[in-house]
Amino acid sequence: REEADITATKYASTQSAVSAMDVDVVASGDSLRIRSIRPSERWGNMGV
């Protein structure tokens, strides 16, 4: 297909930590950039 399908599952030990994370997707020209953004405060273990 001529499309990108992105599924990202954020996970953490608390709901506040999950909500504090972000997934940034930028499609520009022929490039697709995806970035997991971690909150500046320490929330314990988390990931995507």
ModelCIF file with pLDDT and N, C-alpha, C, O atoms, coordinates in Angstrom:
data_MODEL
#
_entry.id   MODEL 
#
_entity.id                         1 
_entity.type                       polymer 
_entity.pdbx_number_of_molecules   1 
#
_entity_poly.entity_id                      1 
_entity_poly.type                           'polypeptide(L)' 
_entity_poly.nstd_linkage                   no 
_entity_poly.nstd_monomer                   no 
_entity_poly.pdbx_seq_one_letter_code       REEADITATKYASTQSAVSAMDVDVVASGDSLRIRSIRPSERWGNMGV 
_entity_poly.pdbx_seq_one_letter_code_can   REEADITATKYASTQSAVSAMDVDVVASGDSLRIRSIRPSERWGNMGV 
_entity_poly.pdbx_strand_id                 A 
#
loop_
_entity_poly_seq.entity_id 
_entity_poly_seq.num 
_entity_poly_seq.mon_id 
_entity_poly_seq.hetero 
1 1  ARG n 
1 2  GLU n 
1 3  GLU n 
1 4  ALA n 
1 5  ASP n 
1 6  ILE n 
1 7  THR n 
1 8  ALA n 
1 9  THR n 
1 10 LYS n 
1 11 TYR n 
1 12 ALA n 
1 13 SER n 
1 14 THR n 
1 15 GLN n 
1 16 SER n 
1 17 ALA n 
1 18 VAL n 
1 19 SER n 
1 20 ALA n 
1 21 MET n 
1 22 ASP n 
1 23 VAL n 
1 24 ASP n 
1 25 VAL n 
1 26 VAL n 
1 27 ALA n 
1 28 SER n 
1 29 GLY n 
1 30 ASP n 
1 31 SER n 
1 32 LEU n 
1 33 ARG n 
1 34 ILE n 
1 35 ARG n 
1 36 SER n 
1 37 ILE n 
1 38 ARG n 
1 39 PRO n 
1 40 SER n 
1 41 GLU n 
1 42 ARG n 
1 43 TRP n 
1 44 GLY n 
1 45 ASN n 
1 46 MET n 
1 47 GLY n 
1 48 VAL n 
#
_struct_asym.id          A 
_struct_asym.entity_id   1 
#
loop_
_ma_qa_metric.id 
_ma_qa_metric.mode 
_ma_qa_metric.name 
_ma_qa_metric.software_group_id 
_ma_qa_metric.type 
1 global pLDDT . pLDDT 
2 local  pLDDT . pLDDT 
#
_ma_qa_metric_global.metric_id      1 
_ma_qa_metric_global.metric_value   92.73 
_ma_qa_metric_global.model_id       1 
_ma_qa_metric_global.ordinal_id     1 
#
loop_
_ma_qa_metric_local.label_asym_id 
_ma_qa_metric_local.label_comp_id 
_ma_qa_metric_local.label_seq_id 
_ma_qa_metric_local.metric_id 
_ma_qa_metric_local.metric_value 
_ma_qa_metric_local.model_id 
_ma_qa_metric_local.ordinal_id 
A ARG 1  2 97.00 1 1  
A GLU 2  2 96.00 1 2  
A GLU 3  2 97.00 1 3  
A ALA 4  2 98.00 1 4  
A ASP 5  2 98.00 1 5  
A ILE 6  2 98.00 1 6  
A THR 7  2 98.00 1 7  
A ALA 8  2 98.00 1 8  
A THR 9  2 98.00 1 9  
A LYS 10 2 97.00 1 10 
A TYR 11 2 95.00 1 11 
A ALA 12 2 94.00 1 12 
A SER 13 2 90.00 1 13 
A THR 14 2 90.00 1 14 
A GLN 15 2 91.00 1 15 
A SER 16 2 90.00 1 16 
A ALA 17 2 91.00 1 17 
A VAL 18 2 93.00 1 18 
A SER 19 2 93.00 1 19 
A ALA 20 2 93.00 1 20 
A MET 21 2 95.00 1 21 
A ASP 22 2 96.00 1 22 
A VAL 23 2 98.00 1 23 
A ASP 24 2 98.00 1 24 
A VAL 25 2 98.00 1 25 
A VAL 26 2 97.00 1 26 
A ALA 27 2 96.00 1 27 
A SER 28 2 91.00 1 28 
A GLY 29 2 86.00 1 29 
A ASP 30 2 93.00 1 30 
A SER 31 2 97.00 1 31 
A LEU 32 2 98.00 1 32 
A ARG 33 2 98.00 1 33 
A ILE 34 2 98.00 1 34 
A ARG 35 2 98.00 1 35 
A SER 36 2 97.00 1 36 
A ILE 37 2 96.00 1 37 
A ARG 38 2 92.00 1 38 
A PRO 39 2 88.00 1 39 
A SER 40 2 82.00 1 40 
A GLU 41 2 78.00 1 41 
A ARG 42 2 70.00 1 42 
A TRP 43 2 70.00 1 43 
A GLY 44 2 75.00 1 44 
A ASN 45 2 86.00 1 45 
A MET 46 2 93.00 1 46 
A GLY 47 2 95.00 1 47 
A VAL 48 2 97.00 1 48 
#
loop_
_atom_site.group_PDB 
_atom_site.id 
_atom_site.type_symbol 
_atom_site.label_atom_id 
_atom_site.label_alt_id 
_atom_site.label_comp_id 
_atom_site.label_asym_id 
_atom_site.label_entity_id 
_atom_site.label_seq_id 
_atom_site.pdbx_PDB_ins_code 
_atom_site.Cartn_x 
_atom_site.Cartn_y 
_atom_site.Cartn_z 
_atom_site.occupancy 
_atom_site.B_iso_or_equiv 
_atom_site.pdbx_formal_charge 
_atom_site.auth_seq_id 
_atom_site.auth_comp_id 
_atom_site.auth_asym_id 
_atom_site.auth_atom_id 
_atom_site.pdbx_PDB_model_num 
ATOM 1   N N  . ARG A 1 1  ? 0.844  -1.199 0.000  1.00 97.00 ? 1  ARG A N  1 
ATOM 2   C CA . ARG A 1 1  ? 0.000  0.000  0.000  1.00 97.00 ? 1  ARG A CA 1 
ATOM 3   C C  . ARG A 1 1  ? 0.880  1.249  0.000  1.00 97.00 ? 1  ARG A C  1 
ATOM 4   O O  . ARG A 1 1  ? 2.014  1.222  0.478  1.00 97.00 ? 1  ARG A O  1 
ATOM 5   N N  . GLU A 1 2  ? 0.346  2.337  -0.539 1.00 96.00 ? 2  GLU A N  1 
ATOM 6   C CA . GLU A 1 2  ? 1.086  3.602  -0.546 1.00 96.00 ? 2  GLU A CA 1 
ATOM 7   C C  . GLU A 1 2  ? 0.665  4.441  0.650  1.00 96.00 ? 2  GLU A C  1 
ATOM 8   O O  . GLU A 1 2  ? 0.169  5.559  0.509  1.00 96.00 ? 2  GLU A O  1 
ATOM 9   N N  . GLU A 1 3  ? 0.871  3.878  1.814  1.00 97.00 ? 3  GLU A N  1 
ATOM 10  C CA . GLU A 1 3  ? 0.572  4.559  3.062  1.00 97.00 ? 3  GLU A CA 1 
ATOM 11  C C  . GLU A 1 3  ? 1.341  3.898  4.193  1.00 97.00 ? 3  GLU A C  1 
ATOM 12  O O  . GLU A 1 3  ? 1.752  2.742  4.095  1.00 97.00 ? 3  GLU A O  1 
ATOM 13  N N  . ALA A 1 4  ? 1.524  4.649  5.261  1.00 98.00 ? 4  ALA A N  1 
ATOM 14  C CA . ALA A 1 4  ? 2.153  4.127  6.471  1.00 98.00 ? 4  ALA A CA 1 
ATOM 15  C C  . ALA A 1 4  ? 1.093  4.037  7.557  1.00 98.00 ? 4  ALA A C  1 
ATOM 16  O O  . ALA A 1 4  ? 0.343  4.984  7.793  1.00 98.00 ? 4  ALA A O  1 
ATOM 17  N N  . ASP A 1 5  ? 1.043  2.903  8.205  1.00 98.00 ? 5  ASP A N  1 
ATOM 18  C CA . ASP A 1 5  ? 0.097  2.659  9.288  1.00 98.00 ? 5  ASP A CA 1 
ATOM 19  C C  . ASP A 1 5  ? 0.893  2.533  10.590 1.00 98.00 ? 5  ASP A C  1 
ATOM 20  O O  . ASP A 1 5  ? 1.723  1.635  10.732 1.00 98.00 ? 5  ASP A O  1 
ATOM 21  N N  . ILE A 1 6  ? 0.639  3.425  11.524 1.00 98.00 ? 6  ILE A N  1 
ATOM 22  C CA . ILE A 1 6  ? 1.426  3.506  12.760 1.00 98.00 ? 6  ILE A CA 1 
ATOM 23  C C  . ILE A 1 6  ? 0.533  3.218  13.959 1.00 98.00 ? 6  ILE A C  1 
ATOM 24  O O  . ILE A 1 6  ? -0.436 3.938  14.200 1.00 98.00 ? 6  ILE A O  1 
ATOM 25  N N  . THR A 1 7  ? 0.851  2.181  14.704 1.00 98.00 ? 7  THR A N  1 
ATOM 26  C CA . THR A 1 7  ? 0.189  1.906  15.973 1.00 98.00 ? 7  THR A CA 1 
ATOM 27  C C  . THR A 1 7  ? 1.241  1.977  17.073 1.00 98.00 ? 7  THR A C  1 
ATOM 28  O O  . THR A 1 7  ? 2.254  1.280  17.018 1.00 98.00 ? 7  THR A O  1 
ATOM 29  N N  . ALA A 1 8  ? 0.998  2.815  18.063 1.00 98.00 ? 8  ALA A N  1 
ATOM 30  C CA . ALA A 1 8  ? 1.928  2.975  19.182 1.00 98.00 ? 8  ALA A CA 1 
ATOM 31  C C  . ALA A 1 8  ? 1.166  2.761  20.483 1.00 98.00 ? 8  ALA A C  1 
ATOM 32  O O  . ALA A 1 8  ? 0.138  3.396  20.716 1.00 98.00 ? 8  ALA A O  1 
ATOM 33  N N  . THR A 1 9  ? 1.662  1.880  21.318 1.00 98.00 ? 9  THR A N  1 
ATOM 34  C CA . THR A 1 9  ? 1.037  1.628  22.611 1.00 98.00 ? 9  THR A CA 1 
ATOM 35  C C  . THR A 1 9  ? 1.935  2.187  23.711 1.00 98.00 ? 9  THR A C  1 
ATOM 36  O O  . THR A 1 9  ? 3.002  1.641  23.994 1.00 98.00 ? 9  THR A O  1 
ATOM 37  N N  . LYS A 1 10 ? 1.495  3.269  24.320 1.00 97.00 ? 10 LYS A N  1 
ATOM 38  C CA . LYS A 1 10 ? 2.215  3.838  25.460 1.00 97.00 ? 10 LYS A CA 1 
ATOM 39  C C  . LYS A 1 10 ? 1.883  3.005  26.698 1.00 97.00 ? 10 LYS A C  1 
ATOM 40  O O  . LYS A 1 10 ? 0.734  2.602  26.884 1.00 97.00 ? 10 LYS A O  1 
ATOM 41  N N  . TYR A 1 11 ? 2.877  2.746  27.541 1.00 95.00 ? 11 TYR A N  1 
ATOM 42  C CA . TYR A 1 11 ? 2.618  1.967  28.757 1.00 95.00 ? 11 TYR A CA 1 
ATOM 43  C C  . TYR A 1 11 ? 3.432  2.522  29.921 1.00 95.00 ? 11 TYR A C  1 
ATOM 44  O O  . TYR A 1 11 ? 4.525  3.055  29.728 1.00 95.00 ? 11 TYR A O  1 
ATOM 45  N N  . ALA A 1 12 ? 2.892  2.393  31.124 1.00 94.00 ? 12 ALA A N  1 
ATOM 46  C CA . ALA A 1 12 ? 3.568  2.868  32.331 1.00 94.00 ? 12 ALA A CA 1 
ATOM 47  C C  . ALA A 1 12 ? 2.877  2.263  33.550 1.00 94.00 ? 12 ALA A C  1 
ATOM 48  O O  . ALA A 1 12 ? 1.865  1.572  33.424 1.00 94.00 ? 12 ALA A O  1 
ATOM 49  N N  . SER A 1 13 ? 3.428  2.528  34.717 1.00 90.00 ? 13 SER A N  1 
ATOM 50  C CA . SER A 1 13 ? 2.874  1.961  35.957 1.00 90.00 ? 13 SER A CA 1 
ATOM 51  C C  . SER A 1 13 ? 1.742  2.795  36.531 1.00 90.00 ? 13 SER A C  1 
ATOM 52  O O  . SER A 1 13 ? 1.036  2.335  37.429 1.00 90.00 ? 13 SER A O  1 
ATOM 53  N N  . THR A 1 14 ? 1.550  4.026  36.028 1.00 90.00 ? 14 THR A N  1 
ATOM 54  C CA . THR A 1 14 ? 0.445  4.872  36.479 1.00 90.00 ? 14 THR A CA 1 
ATOM 55  C C  . THR A 1 14 ? -0.216 5.535  35.275 1.00 90.00 ? 14 THR A C  1 
ATOM 56  O O  . THR A 1 14 ? 0.404  5.706  34.225 1.00 90.00 ? 14 THR A O  1 
ATOM 57  N N  . GLN A 1 15 ? -1.484 5.905  35.444 1.00 91.00 ? 15 GLN A N  1 
ATOM 58  C CA . GLN A 1 15 ? -2.187 6.581  34.365 1.00 91.00 ? 15 GLN A CA 1 
ATOM 59  C C  . GLN A 1 15 ? -1.595 7.968  34.104 1.00 91.00 ? 15 GLN A C  1 
ATOM 60  O O  . GLN A 1 15 ? -1.563 8.424  32.961 1.00 91.00 ? 15 GLN A O  1 
ATOM 61  N N  . SER A 1 16 ? -1.131 8.635  35.155 1.00 90.00 ? 16 SER A N  1 
ATOM 62  C CA . SER A 1 16 ? -0.533 9.959  34.982 1.00 90.00 ? 16 SER A CA 1 
ATOM 63  C C  . SER A 1 16 ? 0.709  9.885  34.105 1.00 90.00 ? 16 SER A C  1 
ATOM 64  O O  . SER A 1 16 ? 0.950  10.767 33.281 1.00 90.00 ? 16 SER A O  1 
ATOM 65  N N  . ALA A 1 17 ? 1.487  8.836  34.285 1.00 91.00 ? 17 ALA A N  1 
ATOM 66  C CA . ALA A 1 17 ? 2.708  8.678  33.490 1.00 91.00 ? 17 ALA A CA 1 
ATOM 67  C C  . ALA A 1 17 ? 2.371  8.411  32.028 1.00 91.00 ? 17 ALA A C  1 
ATOM 68  O O  . ALA A 1 17 ? 3.036  8.936  31.134 1.00 91.00 ? 17 ALA A O  1 
ATOM 69  N N  . VAL A 1 18 ? 1.347  7.603  31.775 1.00 93.00 ? 18 VAL A N  1 
ATOM 70  C CA . VAL A 1 18 ? 0.929  7.339  30.398 1.00 93.00 ? 18 VAL A CA 1 
ATOM 71  C C  . VAL A 1 18 ? 0.488  8.631  29.721 1.00 93.00 ? 18 VAL A C  1 
ATOM 72  O O  . VAL A 1 18 ? 0.875  8.907  28.585 1.00 93.00 ? 18 VAL A O  1 
ATOM 73  N N  . SER A 1 19 ? -0.315 9.412  30.417 1.00 93.00 ? 19 SER A N  1 
ATOM 74  C CA . SER A 1 19 ? -0.838 10.651 29.845 1.00 93.00 ? 19 SER A CA 1 
ATOM 75  C C  . SER A 1 19 ? 0.255  11.680 29.593 1.00 93.00 ? 19 SER A C  1 
ATOM 76  O O  . SER A 1 19 ? 0.115  12.541 28.725 1.00 93.00 ? 19 SER A O  1 
ATOM 77  N N  . ALA A 1 20 ? 1.349  11.592 30.356 1.00 93.00 ? 20 ALA A N  1 
ATOM 78  C CA . ALA A 1 20 ? 2.430  12.572 30.219 1.00 93.00 ? 20 ALA A CA 1 
ATOM 79  C C  . ALA A 1 20 ? 3.318  12.297 29.009 1.00 93.00 ? 20 ALA A C  1 
ATOM 80  O O  . ALA A 1 20 ? 4.061  13.180 28.580 1.00 93.00 ? 20 ALA A O  1 
ATOM 81  N N  . MET A 1 21 ? 3.254  11.092 28.456 1.00 95.00 ? 21 MET A N  1 
ATOM 82  C CA . MET A 1 21 ? 4.036  10.771 27.264 1.00 95.00 ? 21 MET A CA 1 
ATOM 83  C C  . MET A 1 21 ? 3.305  11.219 26.006 1.00 95.00 ? 21 MET A C  1 
ATOM 84  O O  . MET A 1 21 ? 2.086  11.392 26.012 1.00 95.00 ? 21 MET A O  1 
ATOM 85  N N  . ASP A 1 22 ? 4.064  11.407 24.922 1.00 96.00 ? 22 ASP A N  1 
ATOM 86  C CA . ASP A 1 22 ? 3.467  11.800 23.655 1.00 96.00 ? 22 ASP A CA 1 
ATOM 87  C C  . ASP A 1 22 ? 4.160  11.057 22.519 1.00 96.00 ? 22 ASP A C  1 
ATOM 88  O O  . ASP A 1 22 ? 5.323  10.671 22.643 1.00 96.00 ? 22 ASP A O  1 
ATOM 89  N N  . VAL A 1 23 ? 3.450  10.858 21.416 1.00 98.00 ? 23 VAL A N  1 
ATOM 90  C CA . VAL A 1 23 ? 4.003  10.288 20.193 1.00 98.00 ? 23 VAL A CA 1 
ATOM 91  C C  . VAL A 1 23 ? 3.872  11.348 19.106 1.00 98.00 ? 23 VAL A C  1 
ATOM 92  O O  . VAL A 1 23 ? 2.769  11.786 18.781 1.00 98.00 ? 23 VAL A O  1 
ATOM 93  N N  . ASP A 1 24 ? 4.995  11.749 18.557 1.00 98.00 ? 24 ASP A N  1 
ATOM 94  C CA . ASP A 1 24 ? 5.028  12.811 17.547 1.00 98.00 ? 24 ASP A CA 1 
ATOM 95  C C  . ASP A 1 24 ? 5.267  12.187 16.175 1.00 98.00 ? 24 ASP A C  1 
ATOM 96  O O  . ASP A 1 24 ? 6.242  11.460 15.987 1.00 98.00 ? 24 ASP A O  1 
ATOM 97  N N  . VAL A 1 25 ? 4.388  12.466 15.218 1.00 98.00 ? 25 VAL A N  1 
ATOM 98  C CA . VAL A 1 25 ? 4.494  11.949 13.860 1.00 98.00 ? 25 VAL A CA 1 
ATOM 99  C C  . VAL A 1 25 ? 4.515  13.123 12.895 1.00 98.00 ? 25 VAL A C  1 
ATOM 100 O O  . VAL A 1 25 ? 3.598  13.945 12.889 1.00 98.00 ? 25 VAL A O  1 
ATOM 101 N N  . VAL A 1 26 ? 5.564  13.204 12.076 1.00 97.00 ? 26 VAL A N  1 
ATOM 102 C CA . VAL A 1 26 ? 5.684  14.276 11.096 1.00 97.00 ? 26 VAL A CA 1 
ATOM 103 C C  . VAL A 1 26 ? 5.960  13.650 9.738  1.00 97.00 ? 26 VAL A C  1 
ATOM 104 O O  . VAL A 1 26 ? 6.985  12.995 9.548  1.00 97.00 ? 26 VAL A O  1 
ATOM 105 N N  . ALA A 1 27 ? 5.041  13.851 8.790  1.00 96.00 ? 27 ALA A N  1 
ATOM 106 C CA . ALA A 1 27 ? 5.225  13.391 7.419  1.00 96.00 ? 27 ALA A CA 1 
ATOM 107 C C  . ALA A 1 27 ? 5.509  14.604 6.554  1.00 96.00 ? 27 ALA A C  1 
ATOM 108 O O  . ALA A 1 27 ? 4.703  15.532 6.489  1.00 96.00 ? 27 ALA A O  1 
ATOM 109 N N  . SER A 1 28 ? 6.664  14.596 5.885  1.00 91.00 ? 28 SER A N  1 
ATOM 110 C CA . SER A 1 28 ? 7.072  15.744 5.082  1.00 91.00 ? 28 SER A CA 1 
ATOM 111 C C  . SER A 1 28 ? 7.818  15.246 3.851  1.00 91.00 ? 28 SER A C  1 
ATOM 112 O O  . SER A 1 28 ? 8.839  14.567 3.962  1.00 91.00 ? 28 SER A O  1 
ATOM 113 N N  . GLY A 1 29 ? 7.291  15.596 2.665  1.00 86.00 ? 29 GLY A N  1 
ATOM 114 C CA . GLY A 1 29 ? 7.942  15.140 1.442  1.00 86.00 ? 29 GLY A CA 1 
ATOM 115 C C  . GLY A 1 29 ? 7.986  13.627 1.386  1.00 86.00 ? 29 GLY A C  1 
ATOM 116 O O  . GLY A 1 29 ? 6.954  12.966 1.508  1.00 86.00 ? 29 GLY A O  1 
ATOM 117 N N  . ASP A 1 30 ? 9.179  13.074 1.203  1.00 93.00 ? 30 ASP A N  1 
ATOM 118 C CA . ASP A 1 30 ? 9.313  11.618 1.138  1.00 93.00 ? 30 ASP A CA 1 
ATOM 119 C C  . ASP A 1 30 ? 9.753  11.010 2.465  1.00 93.00 ? 30 ASP A C  1 
ATOM 120 O O  . ASP A 1 30 ? 10.129 9.839  2.494  1.00 93.00 ? 30 ASP A O  1 
ATOM 121 N N  . SER A 1 31 ? 9.721  11.760 3.558  1.00 97.00 ? 31 SER A N  1 
ATOM 122 C CA . SER A 1 31 ? 10.188 11.238 4.841  1.00 97.00 ? 31 SER A CA 1 
ATOM 123 C C  . SER A 1 31 ? 9.067  11.199 5.870  1.00 97.00 ? 31 SER A C  1 
ATOM 124 O O  . SER A 1 31 ? 8.153  12.023 5.854  1.00 97.00 ? 31 SER A O  1 
ATOM 125 N N  . LEU A 1 32 ? 9.162  10.221 6.766  1.00 98.00 ? 32 LEU A N  1 
ATOM 126 C CA . LEU A 1 32 ? 8.240  10.072 7.886  1.00 98.00 ? 32 LEU A CA 1 
ATOM 127 C C  . LEU A 1 32 ? 9.083  9.975  9.152  1.00 98.00 ? 32 LEU A C  1 
ATOM 128 O O  . LEU A 1 32 ? 9.942  9.102  9.275  1.00 98.00 ? 32 LEU A O  1 
ATOM 129 N N  . ARG A 1 33 ? 8.827  10.880 10.086 1.00 98.00 ? 33 ARG A N  1 
ATOM 130 C CA . ARG A 1 33 ? 9.584  10.913 11.344 1.00 98.00 ? 33 ARG A CA 1 
ATOM 131 C C  . ARG A 1 33 ? 8.641  10.657 12.513 1.00 98.00 ? 33 ARG A C  1 
ATOM 132 O O  . ARG A 1 33 ? 7.603  11.304 12.650 1.00 98.00 ? 33 ARG A O  1 
ATOM 133 N N  . ILE A 1 34 ? 9.025  9.701  13.347 1.00 98.00 ? 34 ILE A N  1 
ATOM 134 C CA . ILE A 1 34 ? 8.227  9.317  14.507 1.00 98.00 ? 34 ILE A CA 1 
ATOM 135 C C  . ILE A 1 34 ? 9.114  9.416  15.741 1.00 98.00 ? 34 ILE A C  1 
ATOM 136 O O  . ILE A 1 34 ? 10.258 8.962  15.733 1.00 98.00 ? 34 ILE A O  1 
ATOM 137 N N  . ARG A 1 35 ? 8.576  10.014 16.801 1.00 98.00 ? 35 ARG A N  1 
ATOM 138 C CA . ARG A 1 35 ? 9.396  10.195 18.009 1.00 98.00 ? 35 ARG A CA 1 
ATOM 139 C C  . ARG A 1 35 ? 8.546  9.989  19.266 1.00 98.00 ? 35 ARG A C  1 
ATOM 140 O O  . ARG A 1 35 ? 7.442  10.521 19.384 1.00 98.00 ? 35 ARG A O  1 
ATOM 141 N N  . SER A 1 36 ? 9.087  9.208  20.192 1.00 97.00 ? 36 SER A N  1 
ATOM 142 C CA . SER A 1 36 ? 8.470  9.073  21.515 1.00 97.00 ? 36 SER A CA 1 
ATOM 143 C C  . SER A 1 36 ? 8.984  10.204 22.397 1.00 97.00 ? 36 SER A C  1 
ATOM 144 O O  . SER A 1 36 ? 10.193 10.379 22.551 1.00 97.00 ? 36 SER A O  1 
ATOM 145 N N  . ILE A 1 37 ? 8.068  10.966 22.970 1.00 96.00 ? 37 ILE A N  1 
ATOM 146 C CA . ILE A 1 37 ? 8.457  12.110 23.793 1.00 96.00 ? 37 ILE A CA 1 
ATOM 147 C C  . ILE A 1 37 ? 8.197  11.774 25.252 1.00 96.00 ? 37 ILE A C  1 
ATOM 148 O O  . ILE A 1 37 ? 7.059  11.542 25.658 1.00 96.00 ? 37 ILE A O  1 
ATOM 149 N N  . ARG A 1 38 ? 9.262  11.753 26.025 1.00 92.00 ? 38 ARG A N  1 
ATOM 150 C CA . ARG A 1 38 ? 9.184  11.446 27.448 1.00 92.00 ? 38 ARG A CA 1 
ATOM 151 C C  . ARG A 1 38 ? 8.971  12.737 28.242 1.00 92.00 ? 38 ARG A C  1 
ATOM 152 O O  . ARG A 1 38 ? 9.546  13.767 27.891 1.00 92.00 ? 38 ARG A O  1 
ATOM 153 N N  . PRO A 1 39 ? 8.164  12.705 29.297 1.00 88.00 ? 39 PRO A N  1 
ATOM 154 C CA . PRO A 1 39 ? 7.987  13.916 30.108 1.00 88.00 ? 39 PRO A CA 1 
ATOM 155 C C  . PRO A 1 39 ? 9.275  14.311 30.812 1.00 88.00 ? 39 PRO A C  1 
ATOM 156 O O  . PRO A 1 39 ? 10.122 13.465 31.102 1.00 88.00 ? 39 PRO A O  1 
ATOM 157 N N  . SER A 1 40 ? 9.415  15.603 31.083 1.00 82.00 ? 40 SER A N  1 
ATOM 158 C CA . SER A 1 40 ? 10.639 16.088 31.736 1.00 82.00 ? 40 SER A CA 1 
ATOM 159 C C  . SER A 1 40 ? 10.740 15.598 33.171 1.00 82.00 ? 40 SER A C  1 
ATOM 160 O O  . SER A 1 40 ? 11.845 15.394 33.673 1.00 82.00 ? 40 SER A O  1 
ATOM 161 N N  . GLU A 1 41 ? 9.600  15.402 33.848 1.00 78.00 ? 41 GLU A N  1 
ATOM 162 C CA . GLU A 1 41 ? 9.637  14.892 35.217 1.00 78.00 ? 41 GLU A CA 1 
ATOM 163 C C  . GLU A 1 41 ? 9.869  13.382 35.212 1.00 78.00 ? 41 GLU A C  1 
ATOM 164 O O  . GLU A 1 41 ? 9.574  12.708 34.225 1.00 78.00 ? 41 GLU A O  1 
ATOM 165 N N  . ARG A 1 42 ? 10.387 12.862 36.299 1.00 70.00 ? 42 ARG A N  1 
ATOM 166 C CA . ARG A 1 42 ? 10.596 11.422 36.420 1.00 70.00 ? 42 ARG A CA 1 
ATOM 167 C C  . ARG A 1 42 ? 9.292  10.761 36.844 1.00 70.00 ? 42 ARG A C  1 
ATOM 168 O O  . ARG A 1 42 ? 8.702  11.125 37.861 1.00 70.00 ? 42 ARG A O  1 
ATOM 169 N N  . TRP A 1 43 ? 8.848  9.785  36.054 1.00 70.00 ? 43 TRP A N  1 
ATOM 170 C CA . TRP A 1 43 ? 7.597  9.087  36.319 1.00 70.00 ? 43 TRP A CA 1 
ATOM 171 C C  . TRP A 1 43 ? 7.829  7.588  36.529 1.00 70.00 ? 43 TRP A C  1 
ATOM 172 O O  . TRP A 1 43 ? 6.865  6.823  36.534 1.00 70.00 ? 43 TRP A O  1 
ATOM 173 N N  . GLY A 1 44 ? 9.067  7.151  36.700 1.00 75.00 ? 44 GLY A N  1 
ATOM 174 C CA . GLY A 1 44 ? 9.333  5.725  36.800 1.00 75.00 ? 44 GLY A CA 1 
ATOM 175 C C  . GLY A 1 44 ? 9.426  5.087  35.431 1.00 75.00 ? 44 GLY A C  1 
ATOM 176 O O  . GLY A 1 44 ? 9.615  5.780  34.431 1.00 75.00 ? 44 GLY A O  1 
ATOM 177 N N  . ASN A 1 45 ? 9.295  3.776  35.380 1.00 86.00 ? 45 ASN A N  1 
ATOM 178 C CA . ASN A 1 45 ? 9.437  3.045  34.126 1.00 86.00 ? 45 ASN A CA 1 
ATOM 179 C C  . ASN A 1 45 ? 8.247  3.296  33.202 1.00 86.00 ? 45 ASN A C  1 
ATOM 180 O O  . ASN A 1 45 ? 7.093  3.286  33.631 1.00 86.00 ? 45 ASN A O  1 
ATOM 181 N N  . MET A 1 46 ? 8.549  3.516  31.946 1.00 93.00 ? 46 MET A N  1 
ATOM 182 C CA . MET A 1 46 ? 7.521  3.764  30.939 1.00 93.00 ? 46 MET A CA 1 
ATOM 183 C C  . MET A 1 46 ? 8.117  3.502  29.568 1.00 93.00 ? 46 MET A C  1 
ATOM 184 O O  . MET A 1 46 ? 9.333  3.361  29.439 1.00 93.00 ? 46 MET A O  1 
ATOM 185 N N  . GLY A 1 47 ? 7.291  3.437  28.561 1.00 95.00 ? 47 GLY A N  1 
ATOM 186 C CA . GLY A 1 47 ? 7.804  3.236  27.206 1.00 95.00 ? 47 GLY A CA 1 
ATOM 187 C C  . GLY A 1 47 ? 6.684  3.211  26.186 1.00 95.00 ? 47 GLY A C  1 
ATOM 188 O O  . GLY A 1 47 ? 5.518  3.439  26.507 1.00 95.00 ? 47 GLY A O  1 
ATOM 189 N N  . VAL A 1 48 ? 7.068  2.926  24.942 1.00 97.00 ? 48 VAL A N  1 
ATOM 190 C CA . VAL A 1 48 ? 6.125  2.871  23.825 1.00 97.00 ? 48 VAL A CA 1 
ATOM 191 C C  . VAL A 1 48 ? 6.470  1.676  22.945 1.00 97.00 ? 48 VAL A C  1 
ATOM 192 O O  . VAL A 1 48 ? 5.801  1.436  21.940 1.00 97.00 ? 48 VAL A O  1 
#
